[in-house]
N, C-alpha and C. Protein backbone atom coordinates (compact mmCIF):
# COMPACT_ATOMS: atom_id res chain seq x y z
N MET A 1 93.62 41.65 64.22
CA MET A 1 92.59 42.67 64.11
C MET A 1 93.18 44.01 64.60
N PRO A 2 92.93 45.11 63.87
CA PRO A 2 93.46 46.42 64.26
C PRO A 2 92.91 46.89 65.61
N GLN A 3 93.72 47.67 66.31
CA GLN A 3 93.34 48.25 67.59
C GLN A 3 92.21 49.27 67.40
N ILE A 4 91.39 49.43 68.42
CA ILE A 4 90.32 50.44 68.41
C ILE A 4 90.87 51.72 69.03
N LYS A 5 90.65 52.84 68.37
CA LYS A 5 91.13 54.15 68.84
C LYS A 5 90.40 54.55 70.11
N ALA A 6 91.13 54.93 71.14
CA ALA A 6 90.57 55.43 72.39
C ALA A 6 90.44 56.94 72.30
N VAL A 7 89.23 57.45 72.09
CA VAL A 7 89.04 58.89 71.91
C VAL A 7 89.02 59.65 73.23
N LEU A 8 88.89 58.94 74.34
CA LEU A 8 88.88 59.61 75.64
C LEU A 8 90.24 59.46 76.35
N GLY A 9 91.29 59.27 75.60
CA GLY A 9 92.61 59.06 76.16
C GLY A 9 93.18 60.24 76.93
N ASN A 10 92.64 61.42 76.73
CA ASN A 10 93.17 62.61 77.39
C ASN A 10 92.37 63.00 78.63
N VAL A 11 91.55 62.08 79.12
CA VAL A 11 90.74 62.34 80.31
C VAL A 11 90.96 61.21 81.29
N LYS A 12 91.21 61.56 82.56
CA LYS A 12 91.40 60.52 83.57
C LYS A 12 90.98 61.05 84.94
N VAL A 13 90.83 60.12 85.87
CA VAL A 13 90.50 60.45 87.25
C VAL A 13 91.76 60.31 88.08
N GLU A 14 92.03 61.29 88.91
CA GLU A 14 93.18 61.25 89.80
C GLU A 14 92.75 61.61 91.21
N THR A 15 93.54 61.18 92.17
CA THR A 15 93.38 61.63 93.55
C THR A 15 94.47 62.67 93.80
N ALA A 16 94.05 63.85 94.20
CA ALA A 16 95.00 64.95 94.39
C ALA A 16 95.98 64.62 95.51
N LYS A 17 97.25 64.79 95.23
CA LYS A 17 98.29 64.56 96.25
C LYS A 17 98.61 65.84 97.00
N ARG A 18 98.10 66.94 96.48
CA ARG A 18 98.22 68.25 97.12
C ARG A 18 97.04 69.10 96.66
N LYS A 19 96.92 70.28 97.21
CA LYS A 19 95.82 71.17 96.82
C LYS A 19 95.98 71.58 95.34
N ARG A 20 94.87 71.55 94.60
CA ARG A 20 94.85 71.98 93.20
C ARG A 20 93.72 72.97 93.02
N GLY A 21 93.86 73.84 92.06
CA GLY A 21 92.78 74.76 91.73
C GLY A 21 91.82 74.11 90.76
N CYS A 22 90.53 74.32 90.95
CA CYS A 22 89.53 73.82 90.00
C CYS A 22 89.54 74.74 88.78
N SER A 23 89.73 74.18 87.61
CA SER A 23 89.84 74.97 86.39
C SER A 23 88.54 75.66 86.01
N ARG A 24 87.42 75.12 86.44
CA ARG A 24 86.13 75.73 86.12
C ARG A 24 85.80 76.85 87.11
N HIS A 25 86.22 76.69 88.34
CA HIS A 25 85.89 77.65 89.39
C HIS A 25 87.16 78.33 89.89
N LYS A 26 87.89 78.99 89.00
CA LYS A 26 89.15 79.59 89.42
C LYS A 26 89.03 81.08 89.76
N ALA A 27 87.84 81.64 89.59
CA ALA A 27 87.64 83.05 89.92
C ALA A 27 86.19 83.29 90.33
N GLY A 28 85.97 84.40 90.96
CA GLY A 28 84.61 84.79 91.32
C GLY A 28 84.13 84.14 92.61
N LYS A 29 82.84 84.25 92.85
CA LYS A 29 82.28 83.78 94.12
C LYS A 29 82.28 82.26 94.25
N HIS A 30 82.42 81.53 93.14
CA HIS A 30 82.45 80.06 93.17
C HIS A 30 83.86 79.50 93.23
N LYS A 31 84.87 80.38 93.32
CA LYS A 31 86.27 79.94 93.34
C LYS A 31 86.50 78.98 94.51
N HIS A 32 87.15 77.85 94.21
CA HIS A 32 87.52 76.92 95.26
C HIS A 32 88.64 76.00 94.77
N ASP A 33 89.21 75.31 95.73
CA ASP A 33 90.31 74.39 95.43
C ASP A 33 89.85 72.95 95.55
N ILE A 34 90.60 72.07 94.92
CA ILE A 34 90.45 70.62 95.09
C ILE A 34 91.47 70.26 96.17
N LEU A 35 91.00 69.68 97.24
CA LEU A 35 91.86 69.41 98.38
C LEU A 35 92.64 68.11 98.23
N LYS A 36 93.71 68.00 98.99
CA LYS A 36 94.51 66.78 99.01
C LYS A 36 93.61 65.58 99.31
N ASP A 37 93.84 64.47 98.62
CA ASP A 37 93.10 63.21 98.74
C ASP A 37 91.69 63.26 98.14
N GLU A 38 91.32 64.35 97.51
CA GLU A 38 90.02 64.46 96.85
C GLU A 38 90.14 63.97 95.40
N THR A 39 89.15 63.24 94.93
CA THR A 39 89.14 62.75 93.55
C THR A 39 88.77 63.89 92.60
N CYS A 40 89.47 63.97 91.47
CA CYS A 40 89.18 65.01 90.50
C CYS A 40 89.34 64.46 89.08
N LEU A 41 88.73 65.15 88.14
CA LEU A 41 88.83 64.81 86.72
C LEU A 41 89.94 65.65 86.13
N VAL A 42 90.85 65.02 85.39
CA VAL A 42 91.97 65.74 84.77
C VAL A 42 91.87 65.58 83.26
N VAL A 43 91.87 66.72 82.57
CA VAL A 43 91.81 66.75 81.11
C VAL A 43 93.12 67.33 80.61
N THR A 44 93.81 66.59 79.74
CA THR A 44 95.09 67.04 79.19
C THR A 44 94.87 67.52 77.76
N ASP A 45 95.27 68.76 77.50
CA ASP A 45 95.15 69.33 76.16
C ASP A 45 96.25 68.78 75.25
N ALA A 46 96.12 69.03 73.96
CA ALA A 46 97.10 68.56 72.98
C ALA A 46 98.49 69.12 73.25
N ASP A 47 98.56 70.31 73.85
CA ASP A 47 99.86 70.91 74.15
C ASP A 47 100.46 70.42 75.47
N GLY A 48 99.75 69.49 76.14
CA GLY A 48 100.25 68.91 77.39
C GLY A 48 99.78 69.61 78.65
N SER A 49 99.09 70.74 78.51
CA SER A 49 98.60 71.43 79.70
C SER A 49 97.43 70.64 80.31
N LYS A 50 97.39 70.63 81.65
CA LYS A 50 96.37 69.86 82.36
C LYS A 50 95.38 70.79 83.04
N HIS A 51 94.11 70.37 83.03
CA HIS A 51 93.04 71.10 83.67
C HIS A 51 92.39 70.17 84.69
N ASN A 52 92.28 70.64 85.93
CA ASN A 52 91.72 69.85 87.02
C ASN A 52 90.30 70.32 87.31
N TYR A 53 89.39 69.38 87.50
CA TYR A 53 88.00 69.72 87.76
C TYR A 53 87.50 69.01 89.01
N CYS A 54 86.82 69.75 89.88
CA CYS A 54 86.24 69.20 91.10
C CYS A 54 85.14 68.20 90.74
N GLN A 55 84.65 67.50 91.73
CA GLN A 55 83.64 66.47 91.48
C GLN A 55 82.35 67.06 90.90
N GLU A 56 81.94 68.22 91.37
CA GLU A 56 80.73 68.86 90.83
C GLU A 56 80.90 69.18 89.34
N SER A 57 82.04 69.78 89.01
CA SER A 57 82.32 70.11 87.61
C SER A 57 82.49 68.86 86.77
N ALA A 58 83.14 67.84 87.34
CA ALA A 58 83.34 66.58 86.62
C ALA A 58 82.00 65.97 86.24
N LYS A 59 81.04 66.02 87.15
CA LYS A 59 79.71 65.48 86.85
C LYS A 59 79.10 66.20 85.65
N ASP A 60 79.18 67.53 85.65
CA ASP A 60 78.64 68.32 84.54
C ASP A 60 79.37 68.01 83.23
N ILE A 61 80.68 67.88 83.29
CA ILE A 61 81.48 67.59 82.09
C ILE A 61 81.14 66.20 81.55
N LEU A 62 81.05 65.21 82.43
CA LEU A 62 80.74 63.84 82.00
C LEU A 62 79.30 63.72 81.50
N ASP A 63 78.37 64.46 82.11
CA ASP A 63 76.99 64.49 81.60
C ASP A 63 76.95 65.06 80.19
N ARG A 64 77.70 66.14 79.97
CA ARG A 64 77.76 66.76 78.64
C ARG A 64 78.39 65.79 77.63
N ALA A 65 79.46 65.10 78.04
CA ALA A 65 80.12 64.14 77.16
C ALA A 65 79.18 63.00 76.80
N GLU A 66 78.39 62.56 77.77
CA GLU A 66 77.43 61.49 77.51
C GLU A 66 76.39 61.93 76.47
N MET A 67 75.91 63.16 76.59
CA MET A 67 74.96 63.68 75.60
C MET A 67 75.61 63.78 74.22
N ASP A 68 76.87 64.24 74.19
CA ASP A 68 77.58 64.35 72.92
C ASP A 68 77.77 62.97 72.28
N LEU A 69 78.08 61.95 73.09
CA LEU A 69 78.23 60.58 72.56
C LEU A 69 76.90 60.05 72.03
N GLU A 70 75.82 60.33 72.74
CA GLU A 70 74.50 59.91 72.27
C GLU A 70 74.16 60.55 70.93
N THR A 71 74.52 61.83 70.77
CA THR A 71 74.29 62.53 69.50
C THR A 71 75.12 61.89 68.39
N LEU A 72 76.38 61.57 68.67
CA LEU A 72 77.23 60.92 67.67
C LEU A 72 76.67 59.55 67.27
N ARG A 73 76.22 58.78 68.27
CA ARG A 73 75.63 57.46 67.97
C ARG A 73 74.40 57.64 67.08
N SER A 74 73.59 58.61 67.41
CA SER A 74 72.38 58.88 66.63
C SER A 74 72.75 59.30 65.20
N ASP A 75 73.73 60.20 65.09
CA ASP A 75 74.16 60.67 63.77
C ASP A 75 74.72 59.53 62.93
N MET A 76 75.36 58.56 63.59
CA MET A 76 75.92 57.41 62.89
C MET A 76 74.89 56.30 62.72
N ARG A 77 73.71 56.52 63.26
CA ARG A 77 72.62 55.53 63.22
C ARG A 77 73.04 54.22 63.90
N LEU A 78 73.72 54.36 65.05
CA LEU A 78 74.15 53.22 65.83
C LEU A 78 73.24 53.11 67.06
N THR A 79 73.01 51.91 67.52
CA THR A 79 72.23 51.74 68.73
C THR A 79 73.18 51.48 69.88
N PRO A 80 72.85 51.97 71.06
CA PRO A 80 73.75 51.77 72.20
C PRO A 80 73.87 50.32 72.60
């Protein structure tokens, strides 16, 4: 049987080994870093560049992804 394509292959959870900048909050009054040993969401673009997101941003991103998946299921007339 053929393999199933993993569409979320470019997203993973990592524990920061050093301080990282949050890609969503990199400027302005909400600017902050992801600290060493903190869990973060890492999204890798097609060109190989990585974007790190703090836990607050990760929640928003995953909530949005969940809504997008629900829309796709609905459009395909699939039940969860």
